[in-house]
């Protein structure tokens, strides 16, 4: 064996021994120590758990004792409350027994008093019968004496008394009605103003016919056939394109265009004029001409609006408001051209504002725009004054202008001085003589009806309708009606006129009774 190996043997043996010892320590000694430590830790944990268990038991016992104490206290309180309630119930029972005894005593007293009252009532009834018999005998004696003195029976006297009372009641009622009407005239100025402004715009129904049809004149009746077309195709196309109704009847050399929108009627009239002048009438040509005429009308509306604002010196209006003003040219209000009415109102507002020391430009602007709600592009649900104020507000007009527009028919509260000025000037423009037309026949018929109503009353001699039907003078016979009956007659005539007639404004009834005394000196 080599020498190096022999020298390394002790070292190898020592290393092996070291590893053997380390293995013994790791696999034998360490597990034993670990087991001992684990046993000791288990014992310590069991001891600690026992201590904690004892503590928890003590805590539970303490809580149980405290809860028991609280419950006993609550039970004692509850028993005390029950005892108190029982005491109160006993007191109430005693009070009720006392009250019952008192009621019983009172009932006995009431029964005794009722018996006394019944006895007294029987005595009174007996005395009343005796007095009634005596009184009836006296009445019969007095009635016989009165009939002998007056020469009238009881029925005749009763009828005369009833007639007298009726006459007095009628006279008093007429005087009372006149007093109420006088008081209403003095205290209801504002209400009367509103009513007058509304009623002054009423007009005969015939005006609707004038404002809803246009008559287109033609040279000869042969043109009618060309306008109607084969199986009516031309006239149907024209009605559909313009939104109007075209009436072709036996009227010579005339075609009636019917529509409530005057712009559509004007478009139809101009389109018919161009079609008849050109001679080419068929559906395609009709649509082409109508579209061209619509464009011309739109341009003319805008031009009229611009020219109106320039003439009046009203600047800075929204283009849409200018277009609406131009549309007023083709609208009418109770027979009065709406644009002319707006211009006239604007000038009146400027004059009145200047007299009152206000801004005439603002007043003129409000007067010009006050009826813009009457020319809507759509059908609004609001009245034209409120709709006009809404439009003005939409197109950035100032609040005082919007209020003046919306309040000129009292449909909005007036907040500025411009509003009453516009209201008054609108009424002036609409109510001046000649502003709004009325059919002559209807006017004359209304005057005759006024006179006939007055003549239908007994005692009336003559009647005169004057002041364009706003006043009715009634002359009665002095020998047929007295002064008190004249007051009742004026009220009766006014009531009948209100119930049977339609008229603008109000009608004043004046009853005249004249007494003449004539003597001759000889």
Protein backbone atom coordinates (compact mmCIF):
# COMPACT_ATOMS: atom_id res chain seq x y z
CA UNK A 1 0.00 0.00 0.00
CA UNK A 2 1.42 3.37 -0.85
CA UNK A 3 2.61 5.66 1.86
CA UNK A 4 0.25 8.59 0.96
CA UNK A 5 -2.79 6.44 1.41
CA UNK A 6 -1.59 5.15 4.74
CA UNK A 7 -1.03 8.70 5.92
CA UNK A 8 -4.58 9.76 4.84
CA UNK A 9 -6.36 6.92 6.65
CA UNK A 10 -6.50 8.56 10.06
CA UNK A 11 -7.99 11.66 8.60
CA UNK A 12 -10.68 9.72 6.76
CA UNK A 13 -11.50 7.71 9.85
CA UNK A 14 -11.79 10.93 11.85
CA UNK A 15 -14.12 12.43 9.27
CA UNK A 16 -16.33 9.34 9.29
CA UNK A 17 -16.51 9.39 13.05
CA UNK A 18 -17.45 13.08 12.95
CA UNK A 19 -20.29 12.47 10.52
CA UNK A 20 -21.49 9.48 12.57
CA UNK A 21 -21.56 11.60 15.69
CA UNK A 22 -23.34 14.41 13.84
CA UNK A 23 -25.95 11.97 12.57
CA UNK A 24 -26.50 10.52 16.03
CA UNK A 25 -26.96 14.04 17.44
CA UNK A 26 -29.30 15.11 14.67
CA UNK A 27 -31.38 11.97 14.50
CA UNK A 28 -31.41 10.96 18.18
CA UNK A 29 -30.58 13.83 20.49
CA UNK A 30 -32.43 16.63 18.64
CA UNK A 31 -35.73 14.70 18.31
CA UNK A 32 -35.62 13.86 21.99
CA UNK A 33 -35.12 17.50 22.91
CA UNK A 34 -37.87 18.52 20.51
CA UNK A 35 -40.27 16.01 22.08
CA UNK A 36 -39.41 17.25 25.55
CA UNK A 37 -40.00 20.85 24.49
CA UNK A 38 -43.30 19.93 22.80
CA UNK A 39 -44.50 18.13 25.91
CA UNK A 40 -43.56 21.11 28.03
CA UNK A 41 -45.34 23.52 25.64
CA UNK A 42 -48.42 21.28 25.64
CA UNK A 43 -48.54 21.29 29.40
CA UNK A 44 -48.13 25.07 29.49
CA UNK A 45 -50.91 25.50 26.89
CA UNK A 46 -53.23 23.22 28.85
CA UNK A 47 -52.55 25.23 31.97
CA UNK A 48 -53.18 28.52 30.17
CA UNK A 49 -56.41 27.15 28.60
CA UNK A 50 -57.59 26.07 32.03
CA UNK A 51 -56.87 29.55 33.38
CA UNK A 52 -58.72 31.21 30.48
CA UNK A 53 -61.63 28.81 30.93
CA UNK A 54 -61.86 29.74 34.59
CA UNK A 55 -61.76 33.46 33.70
CA UNK A 56 -64.53 33.06 31.10
CA UNK A 57 -66.67 31.14 33.57
CA UNK A 58 -66.24 33.93 36.06
CA UNK A 59 -67.15 36.56 33.46
CA UNK A 60 -70.26 34.60 32.44
CA UNK A 61 -71.29 34.28 36.06
CA UNK A 62 -70.82 38.00 36.61
CA UNK A 63 -72.87 38.85 33.48
CA UNK A 64 -75.56 36.40 34.53
CA UNK A 65 -75.75 37.97 37.98
CA UNK A 66 -75.88 41.51 36.50
CA UNK A 67 -78.62 40.52 34.02
CA UNK A 68 -80.55 38.85 36.78
CA UNK A 69 -80.28 42.01 38.86
CA UNK A 70 -81.51 44.17 35.93
CA UNK A 71 -84.43 41.84 35.23
CA UNK A 72 -85.45 41.85 38.86
CA UNK A 73 -85.33 45.66 38.80
CA UNK A 74 -87.46 45.83 35.61
CA UNK A 75 -89.95 43.37 37.13
CA UNK A 76 -90.23 45.56 40.23
CA UNK A 77 -90.77 48.68 38.07
CA UNK A 78 -93.36 46.88 35.94
CA UNK A 79 -95.18 45.73 39.08
CA UNK A 80 -95.16 49.30 40.35
CA UNK A 81 -96.65 50.55 37.05
CA UNK A 82 -99.34 47.87 37.19
CA UNK A 83 -100.14 48.87 40.75
CA UNK A 84 -100.38 52.54 39.74
CA UNK A 85 -102.66 51.66 36.80
CA UNK A 86 -104.88 49.62 39.09
CA UNK A 87 -105.09 52.57 41.48
CA UNK A 88 -106.08 54.92 38.64
CA UNK A 89 -108.73 52.47 37.43
CA UNK A 90 -110.18 52.27 40.93
CA UNK A 91 -110.31 56.08 41.13
CA UNK A 92 -112.07 56.29 37.77
CA UNK A 93 -114.58 53.64 38.84
CA UNK A 94 -115.35 55.71 41.92
CA UNK A 95 -115.75 58.86 39.79
CA UNK A 96 -118.02 57.05 37.32
CA UNK A 97 -120.17 55.75 40.15
CA UNK A 98 -120.50 59.29 41.49
CA UNK A 99 -121.42 60.64 38.04
CA UNK A 100 -123.96 57.86 37.54
CA UNK A 101 -125.59 58.73 40.85
CA UNK A 102 -125.65 62.41 39.80
CA UNK A 103 -127.22 61.56 36.42
CA UNK A 104 -129.85 59.44 38.08
CA UNK A 105 -130.74 62.32 40.39
CA UNK A 106 -130.89 64.79 37.49
CA UNK A 107 -133.06 62.43 35.46
CA UNK A 108 -135.51 62.24 38.30
CA UNK A 109 -135.57 66.06 38.54
CA UNK A 110 -136.08 66.33 34.72
CA UNK A 111 -138.98 63.87 34.81
CA UNK A 112 -140.63 65.87 37.52
CA UNK A 113 -140.08 69.13 35.61
CA UNK A 114 -141.45 67.57 32.40
CA UNK A 115 -144.59 66.55 34.15
CA UNK A 116 -145.04 70.09 35.44
CA UNK A 117 -144.46 71.47 31.89
CA UNK A 118 -146.99 69.10 30.38
CA UNK A 119 -149.57 70.21 32.91
CA UNK A 120 -148.85 73.89 32.16
CA UNK A 121 -148.94 73.25 28.36
CA UNK A 122 -152.35 71.62 28.64
CA UNK A 123 -153.58 74.65 30.52
CA UNK A 124 -152.10 77.00 27.87
CA UNK A 125 -153.70 75.05 25.02
CA UNK A 126 -157.06 75.31 26.74
CA UNK A 127 -156.63 79.07 27.15
CA UNK A 128 -155.48 79.42 23.49
CA UNK A 129 -158.61 77.69 22.29
CA UNK A 130 -160.73 80.06 24.34
CA UNK A 131 -158.80 83.13 23.09
CA UNK A 132 -158.88 81.85 19.48
CA UNK A 133 -162.62 81.54 19.55
CA UNK A 134 -162.97 85.06 20.98
CA UNK A 135 -160.40 86.45 18.46
CA UNK A 136 -162.14 84.84 15.48
CA UNK A 137 -165.42 86.36 16.60
CA UNK A 138 -163.76 89.78 16.85
CA UNK A 139 -162.13 89.38 13.39
CA UNK A 140 -165.43 88.43 11.83
CA UNK A 141 -167.10 91.45 13.41
CA UNK A 142 -164.29 93.81 12.26
CA UNK A 143 -164.25 92.25 8.74
CA UNK A 144 -168.00 92.80 8.46
CA UNK A 145 -167.59 96.42 9.55
CA UNK A 146 -164.67 96.99 7.07
CA UNK A 147 -166.61 95.46 4.19
CA UNK A 148 -169.61 97.69 5.01
CA UNK A 149 -167.39 100.83 5.21
CA UNK A 150 -165.15 100.17 2.16
CA UNK A 151 -167.73 98.54 -0.05
CA UNK A 152 -165.15 95.82 -1.01
CA UNK A 153 -165.12 92.13 -0.32
CA UNK A 154 -162.11 90.36 1.20
CA UNK A 155 -161.02 88.87 -2.15
CA UNK A 156 -161.22 92.25 -3.91
CA UNK A 157 -159.22 93.94 -1.15
CA UNK A 158 -156.60 91.16 -1.35
CA UNK A 159 -156.26 91.55 -5.13
CA UNK A 160 -155.87 95.32 -4.82
CA UNK A 161 -153.22 94.89 -2.13
CA UNK A 162 -151.30 92.37 -4.28
CA UNK A 163 -151.34 94.71 -7.29
CA UNK A 164 -150.10 97.60 -5.14
CA UNK A 165 -147.28 95.46 -3.74
CA UNK A 166 -146.31 94.31 -7.27
CA UNK A 167 -146.08 97.91 -8.51
CA UNK A 168 -144.01 98.94 -5.50
CA UNK A 169 -141.71 95.92 -5.96
CA UNK A 170 -141.18 96.68 -9.65
CA UNK A 171 -140.40 100.33 -8.91
CA UNK A 172 -138.00 99.43 -6.11
CA UNK A 173 -136.31 96.78 -8.27
CA UNK A 174 -135.83 99.23 -11.16
CA UNK A 175 -134.39 101.86 -8.83
CA UNK A 176 -132.11 99.24 -7.24
CA UNK A 177 -130.91 98.01 -10.64
CA UNK A 178 -130.16 101.56 -11.78
CA UNK A 179 -128.26 102.20 -8.56
CA UNK A 180 -126.17 99.03 -9.05
CA UNK A 181 -125.45 99.94 -12.68
CA UNK A 182 -124.35 103.47 -11.69
CA UNK A 183 -122.09 102.06 -9.03
CA UNK A 184 -120.65 99.54 -11.50
CA UNK A 185 -119.92 102.32 -14.02
CA UNK A 186 -118.00 104.26 -11.38
CA UNK A 187 -116.05 101.38 -9.84
CA UNK A 188 -115.48 99.04 -12.80
CA UNK A 189 -113.61 101.32 -15.20
CA UNK A 190 -110.86 98.82 -15.85
CA UNK A 191 -113.26 95.96 -16.56
CA UNK A 192 -115.36 98.18 -18.81
CA UNK A 193 -112.24 99.19 -20.72
CA UNK A 194 -111.36 95.57 -21.39
CA UNK A 195 -114.89 94.72 -22.47
CA UNK A 196 -115.12 97.75 -24.75
CA UNK A 197 -111.80 96.94 -26.42
CA UNK A 198 -112.93 93.38 -27.08
CA UNK A 199 -116.43 94.21 -28.23
CA UNK A 200 -115.36 97.08 -30.45
CA UNK A 201 -113.56 94.53 -32.62
CA UNK A 202 -116.68 92.47 -33.25
CA UNK A 203 -118.08 92.75 -36.71
CA UNK A 204 -120.76 91.20 -38.90
CA UNK A 205 -120.23 87.62 -40.08
CA UNK A 206 -120.32 88.71 -43.71
CA UNK A 207 -116.76 90.00 -43.29
CA UNK A 208 -115.54 86.42 -43.07
CA UNK A 209 -116.72 85.89 -46.63
CA UNK A 210 -114.83 88.96 -47.85
CA UNK A 211 -111.65 87.77 -46.13
CA UNK A 212 -111.76 84.13 -47.21
CA UNK A 213 -112.35 84.26 -50.99
CA UNK A 214 -110.70 85.87 -53.98
CA UNK A 215 -112.40 86.23 -57.37
CA UNK A 216 -110.20 85.58 -60.42
CA UNK A 217 -111.63 87.15 -63.57
CA UNK A 218 -111.20 85.47 -66.95
CA UNK A 219 -111.90 86.68 -70.49
CA UNK A 220 -114.29 83.90 -71.49
CA UNK A 221 -115.72 80.68 -70.14
CA UNK A 222 -113.61 78.52 -72.50
CA UNK A 223 -110.66 79.07 -70.17
CA UNK A 224 -112.57 77.30 -67.40
CA UNK A 225 -112.39 73.99 -69.25
CA UNK A 226 -108.63 74.33 -69.72
CA UNK A 227 -108.19 75.17 -66.01
CA UNK A 228 -110.25 72.13 -64.99
CA UNK A 229 -108.35 69.82 -67.38
CA UNK A 230 -109.11 66.29 -68.41
CA UNK A 231 -111.14 64.63 -65.65
CA UNK A 232 -110.25 67.58 -63.38
CA UNK A 233 -106.53 66.77 -63.16
CA UNK A 234 -105.38 70.39 -63.63
CA UNK A 235 -107.63 71.87 -60.95
CA UNK A 236 -106.73 69.08 -58.50
CA UNK A 237 -103.02 69.68 -59.09
CA UNK A 238 -103.48 73.44 -58.57
CA UNK A 239 -105.45 72.92 -55.35
CA UNK A 240 -102.86 70.48 -54.02
CA UNK A 241 -99.95 72.79 -54.87
CA UNK A 242 -101.49 75.97 -53.40
CA UNK A 243 -103.58 74.59 -50.54
CA UNK A 244 -106.72 76.38 -51.69
CA UNK A 245 -110.17 75.40 -52.94
CA UNK A 246 -111.04 76.52 -56.47
CA UNK A 247 -114.75 76.86 -57.24
CA UNK A 248 -115.66 76.80 -60.93
CA UNK A 249 -119.42 77.23 -61.26
CA UNK A 250 -121.89 78.95 -63.56
CA UNK A 251 -120.73 82.43 -62.58
CA UNK A 252 -119.79 84.10 -65.89
CA UNK A 253 -116.14 85.02 -66.44
CA UNK A 254 -115.13 84.38 -62.82
CA UNK A 255 -113.44 81.70 -60.77
CA UNK A 256 -113.62 81.79 -56.96
CA UNK A 257 -110.50 80.95 -54.91
CA UNK A 258 -111.38 80.04 -51.32
CA UNK A 259 -108.93 79.78 -48.40
CA UNK A 260 -108.57 81.41 -45.02
CA UNK A 261 -104.85 82.01 -45.64
CA UNK A 262 -104.61 85.12 -47.86
CA UNK A 263 -101.02 84.29 -48.82
CA UNK A 264 -102.14 80.99 -50.33
CA UNK A 265 -104.99 82.75 -52.13
CA UNK A 266 -102.58 85.31 -53.56
CA UNK A 267 -100.18 82.55 -54.71
CA UNK A 268 -103.06 80.74 -56.39
CA UNK A 269 -104.30 83.96 -58.05
CA UNK A 270 -100.88 84.89 -59.45
CA UNK A 271 -100.23 81.30 -60.58
CA UNK A 272 -103.58 81.22 -62.40
CA UNK A 273 -102.79 84.55 -64.02
CA UNK A 274 -99.45 83.28 -65.36
CA UNK A 275 -100.90 79.94 -66.47
CA UNK A 276 -103.78 81.59 -68.35
CA UNK A 277 -101.45 84.17 -69.94
CA UNK A 278 -98.95 81.50 -71.01
CA UNK A 279 -101.63 79.09 -72.24
CA UNK A 280 -99.80 75.96 -71.14
CA UNK A 281 -101.83 74.36 -68.36
CA UNK A 282 -100.89 70.86 -67.18
CA UNK A 283 -99.86 69.40 -63.79
CA UNK A 284 -96.09 69.66 -64.32
CA UNK A 285 -96.37 73.26 -65.51
CA UNK A 286 -98.69 74.08 -62.59
CA UNK A 287 -96.15 72.84 -60.04
CA UNK A 288 -93.38 74.80 -61.74
CA UNK A 289 -95.37 78.05 -61.83
CA UNK A 290 -96.60 77.69 -58.24
CA UNK A 291 -93.05 77.16 -56.98
CA UNK A 292 -91.89 80.24 -58.89
CA UNK A 293 -94.78 82.36 -57.55
CA UNK A 294 -94.10 81.19 -53.98
CA UNK A 295 -90.52 82.36 -54.29
CA UNK A 296 -91.70 85.73 -55.65
CA UNK A 297 -94.19 86.13 -52.78
CA UNK A 298 -91.50 85.29 -50.20
CA UNK A 299 -89.18 87.90 -51.68
CA UNK A 300 -91.99 90.45 -51.78
CA UNK A 301 -92.89 89.72 -48.13
CA UNK A 302 -89.30 90.30 -47.07
CA UNK A 303 -89.09 93.49 -49.13
CA UNK A 304 -92.35 94.84 -47.66
CA UNK A 305 -91.09 94.12 -44.13
CA UNK A 306 -87.78 95.92 -44.76
CA UNK A 307 -89.50 98.90 -46.37
CA UNK A 308 -91.95 99.17 -43.45
CA UNK A 309 -89.21 99.16 -40.81
CA UNK A 310 -87.23 101.75 -42.77
CA UNK A 311 -90.27 104.00 -43.19
CA UNK A 312 -91.02 103.88 -39.48
CA UNK A 313 -87.41 104.18 -38.36
CA UNK A 314 -87.43 100.88 -36.47
CA UNK A 315 -83.98 99.29 -36.71
CA UNK A 316 -82.22 96.21 -35.38
CA UNK A 317 -85.09 93.78 -35.83
CA UNK A 318 -84.42 90.08 -36.25
CA UNK A 319 -84.80 88.99 -39.92
CA UNK A 320 -87.62 86.62 -38.95
CA UNK A 321 -89.55 89.48 -37.35
CA UNK A 322 -89.07 91.52 -40.55
CA UNK A 323 -90.52 88.60 -42.54
CA UNK A 324 -93.51 88.39 -40.17
CA UNK A 325 -94.14 92.13 -40.60
CA UNK A 326 -94.11 91.65 -44.36
CA UNK A 327 -96.67 88.85 -44.09
CA UNK A 328 -99.06 91.31 -42.44
CA UNK A 329 -99.67 92.83 -45.85
CA UNK A 330 -101.69 89.74 -46.79
CA UNK A 331 -103.62 89.55 -43.54
CA UNK A 332 -106.68 91.42 -42.36
CA UNK A 333 -108.23 91.86 -38.93
CA UNK A 334 -112.00 92.36 -38.99
CA UNK A 335 -111.80 93.92 -42.44
CA UNK A 336 -108.79 96.15 -41.63
CA UNK A 337 -105.45 95.46 -43.31
CA UNK A 338 -103.13 94.19 -40.60
CA UNK A 339 -99.98 95.89 -41.86
CA UNK A 340 -101.76 99.24 -42.18
CA UNK A 341 -103.18 98.73 -38.70
CA UNK A 342 -99.70 97.97 -37.30
CA UNK A 343 -98.17 101.07 -38.98
CA UNK A 344 -100.99 103.25 -37.71
CA UNK A 345 -100.68 101.86 -34.18
CA UNK A 346 -96.90 102.40 -34.22
CA UNK A 347 -97.29 106.07 -35.20
CA UNK A 348 -100.01 106.60 -32.58
CA UNK A 349 -97.80 105.00 -29.90
CA UNK A 350 -94.88 107.27 -30.81
CA UNK A 351 -97.06 110.39 -30.57
CA UNK A 352 -98.60 109.35 -27.26
CA UNK A 353 -95.22 108.37 -25.76
CA UNK A 354 -93.76 111.73 -26.76
CA UNK A 355 -96.66 113.54 -25.08
CA UNK A 356 -96.11 111.50 -21.90
CA UNK A 357 -92.33 112.03 -21.89
CA UNK A 358 -91.47 108.41 -22.70
CA UNK A 359 -89.19 106.92 -25.37
CA UNK A 360 -91.10 107.25 -28.69
CA UNK A 361 -88.80 104.79 -30.51
CA UNK A 362 -89.57 101.99 -28.07
CA UNK A 363 -93.28 102.79 -28.24
CA UNK A 364 -93.22 102.74 -32.04
CA UNK A 365 -91.36 99.40 -32.00
CA UNK A 366 -93.92 97.87 -29.62
CA UNK A 367 -96.83 99.26 -31.66
CA UNK A 368 -95.43 97.80 -34.88
CA UNK A 369 -94.91 94.34 -33.35
CA UNK A 370 -98.06 94.13 -31.20
CA UNK A 371 -100.00 91.90 -33.67
CA UNK A 372 -97.20 89.60 -34.89
CA UNK A 373 -99.02 86.73 -33.19
CA UNK A 374 -101.77 86.98 -35.85
CA UNK A 375 -99.47 85.77 -38.67
CA UNK A 376 -98.05 82.51 -37.33
CA UNK A 377 -96.30 79.93 -39.50
CA UNK A 378 -98.02 77.25 -37.41
CA UNK A 379 -101.32 77.05 -35.55
CA UNK A 380 -100.60 78.09 -31.94
CA UNK A 381 -102.76 77.18 -28.96
CA UNK A 382 -102.10 80.55 -27.28
CA UNK A 383 -104.02 83.79 -27.94
CA UNK A 384 -102.32 86.02 -30.51
CA UNK A 385 -101.10 88.53 -27.89
CA UNK A 386 -99.34 85.89 -25.76
CA UNK A 387 -98.01 84.12 -28.85
CA UNK A 388 -96.66 87.43 -30.16
CA UNK A 389 -94.88 88.08 -26.85
CA UNK A 390 -93.39 84.58 -27.06
CA UNK A 391 -92.13 85.27 -30.60
CA UNK A 392 -90.66 88.62 -29.57
CA UNK A 393 -88.87 87.01 -26.65
CA UNK A 394 -87.59 84.25 -28.92
CA UNK A 395 -86.05 86.80 -31.29
CA UNK A 396 -84.28 88.75 -28.50
CA UNK A 397 -86.63 91.70 -28.06
CA UNK A 398 -86.37 93.55 -24.74
CA UNK A 399 -88.66 92.57 -21.84
CA UNK A 400 -90.65 95.82 -21.90
CA UNK A 401 -91.42 95.32 -25.62
CA UNK A 402 -92.47 91.71 -24.98
CA UNK A 403 -94.72 92.77 -22.10
CA UNK A 404 -96.38 95.50 -24.20
CA UNK A 405 -97.12 92.93 -26.93
CA UNK A 406 -98.49 90.30 -24.55
CA UNK A 407 -100.58 92.69 -22.42
CA UNK A 408 -102.38 94.69 -25.10
CA UNK A 409 -105.52 92.54 -24.61
CA UNK A 410 -105.13 92.19 -20.80
CA UNK A 411 -104.03 88.57 -21.16
CA UNK A 412 -100.78 89.36 -19.32
CA UNK A 413 -100.12 91.67 -16.40
CA UNK A 414 -98.81 95.10 -17.46
CA UNK A 415 -95.37 95.81 -15.99
CA UNK A 416 -94.31 98.89 -18.00
CA UNK A 417 -95.94 102.11 -19.21
CA UNK A 418 -95.54 100.95 -22.81
CA UNK A 419 -98.24 98.30 -22.33
CA UNK A 420 -101.22 100.64 -21.72
CA UNK A 421 -100.03 102.94 -24.52
CA UNK A 422 -100.03 100.05 -27.01
CA UNK A 423 -103.41 98.86 -25.74
CA UNK A 424 -105.02 102.30 -26.12
CA UNK A 425 -103.48 102.98 -29.55
CA UNK A 426 -104.55 99.54 -30.80
CA UNK A 427 -108.11 100.34 -29.75
CA UNK A 428 -107.94 103.79 -31.36
CA UNK A 429 -106.71 102.37 -34.66
CA UNK A 430 -109.35 99.63 -34.68
CA UNK A 431 -112.26 101.78 -33.51
CA UNK A 432 -111.81 104.97 -35.53
CA UNK A 433 -114.53 105.64 -38.16
CA UNK A 434 -113.83 103.78 -41.38
CA UNK A 435 -111.05 101.60 -39.98
CA UNK A 436 -112.99 98.37 -39.99
CA UNK A 437 -115.62 97.74 -42.60
CA UNK A 438 -119.15 96.63 -42.02
CA UNK A 439 -121.61 95.56 -44.66
CA UNK A 440 -124.10 98.39 -45.29
CA UNK A 441 -127.07 96.07 -45.38
CA UNK A 442 -126.14 94.49 -42.07
CA UNK A 443 -125.57 97.92 -40.57
CA UNK A 444 -129.00 99.19 -41.68
CA UNK A 445 -130.68 95.97 -40.53
CA UNK A 446 -129.09 96.35 -37.10
CA UNK A 447 -130.44 99.90 -36.77
CA UNK A 448 -133.92 98.76 -37.78
CA UNK A 449 -133.81 95.89 -35.32
CA UNK A 450 -132.89 98.29 -32.53
CA UNK A 451 -135.87 100.51 -33.31
CA UNK A 452 -138.24 97.54 -33.69
CA UNK A 453 -137.23 96.09 -30.31
CA UNK A 454 -138.02 99.41 -28.62
CA UNK A 455 -141.32 99.81 -30.50
CA UNK A 456 -142.46 96.36 -29.34
CA UNK A 457 -142.93 97.65 -25.78
CA UNK A 458 -146.30 99.22 -24.82
CA UNK A 459 -146.43 102.98 -24.41
CA UNK A 460 -143.61 103.72 -26.92
CA UNK A 461 -144.51 106.39 -29.48
CA UNK A 462 -141.30 106.89 -31.49
CA UNK A 463 -137.75 105.46 -31.59
CA UNK A 464 -134.57 106.85 -33.10
CA UNK A 465 -131.28 104.93 -33.49
CA UNK A 466 -128.47 107.54 -33.58
CA UNK A 467 -124.68 107.70 -33.16
CA UNK A 468 -124.18 104.85 -35.68
CA UNK A 469 -126.34 102.56 -33.59
CA UNK A 470 -124.55 103.29 -30.32
CA UNK A 471 -127.51 105.20 -28.84
CA UNK A 472 -131.24 104.53 -28.94
CA UNK A 473 -133.69 107.26 -28.00
CA UNK A 474 -137.18 106.13 -27.06
CA UNK A 475 -140.07 108.60 -26.77
CA UNK A 476 -143.05 107.43 -24.73
CA UNK A 477 -146.50 108.88 -24.26
CA UNK A 478 -146.91 110.92 -21.10
CA UNK A 479 -150.47 109.68 -20.69
CA UNK A 480 -149.48 106.00 -21.03
CA UNK A 481 -146.35 105.65 -18.81
CA UNK A 482 -145.40 107.47 -15.60
CA UNK A 483 -141.89 108.49 -14.47
CA UNK A 484 -141.27 105.33 -12.45
CA UNK A 485 -142.22 103.08 -15.36
CA UNK A 486 -139.74 104.86 -17.66
CA UNK A 487 -136.84 103.54 -15.55
CA UNK A 488 -138.17 100.00 -15.82
CA UNK A 489 -138.73 100.43 -19.57
CA UNK A 490 -135.10 101.41 -20.27
CA UNK A 491 -133.88 98.35 -18.35
CA UNK A 492 -136.29 96.03 -20.20
CA UNK A 493 -135.20 97.36 -23.62
CA UNK A 494 -131.50 97.02 -22.73
CA UNK A 495 -132.01 93.44 -21.55
CA UNK A 496 -133.89 92.47 -24.72
CA UNK A 497 -131.21 94.01 -26.95
CA UNK A 498 -128.48 92.08 -25.10
CA UNK A 499 -130.35 88.80 -25.46
CA UNK A 500 -131.44 89.11 -29.10
CA UNK A 501 -128.75 91.12 -30.94
CA UNK A 502 -125.05 91.11 -31.72
CA UNK A 503 -123.46 94.54 -31.92
CA UNK A 504 -120.06 96.23 -31.50
CA UNK A 505 -119.39 98.30 -28.37
CA UNK A 506 -122.38 99.24 -26.24
CA UNK A 507 -125.81 100.75 -26.87
CA UNK A 508 -127.13 103.57 -24.70
CA UNK A 509 -130.92 103.55 -24.22
CA UNK A 510 -132.50 106.92 -23.37
CA UNK A 511 -136.23 106.93 -22.56
CA UNK A 512 -137.84 110.40 -22.87
CA UNK A 513 -141.19 111.23 -21.29
CA UNK A 514 -142.39 114.77 -21.93
CA UNK A 515 -145.38 116.39 -20.23
CA UNK A 516 -146.82 119.51 -21.87
CA UNK A 517 -149.30 121.85 -20.26
CA UNK A 518 -151.04 124.24 -22.69
CA UNK A 519 -153.33 127.13 -21.81
CA UNK A 520 -154.77 129.98 -23.91
CA UNK A 521 -155.21 133.58 -22.79
CA UNK A 522 -158.28 135.18 -24.34
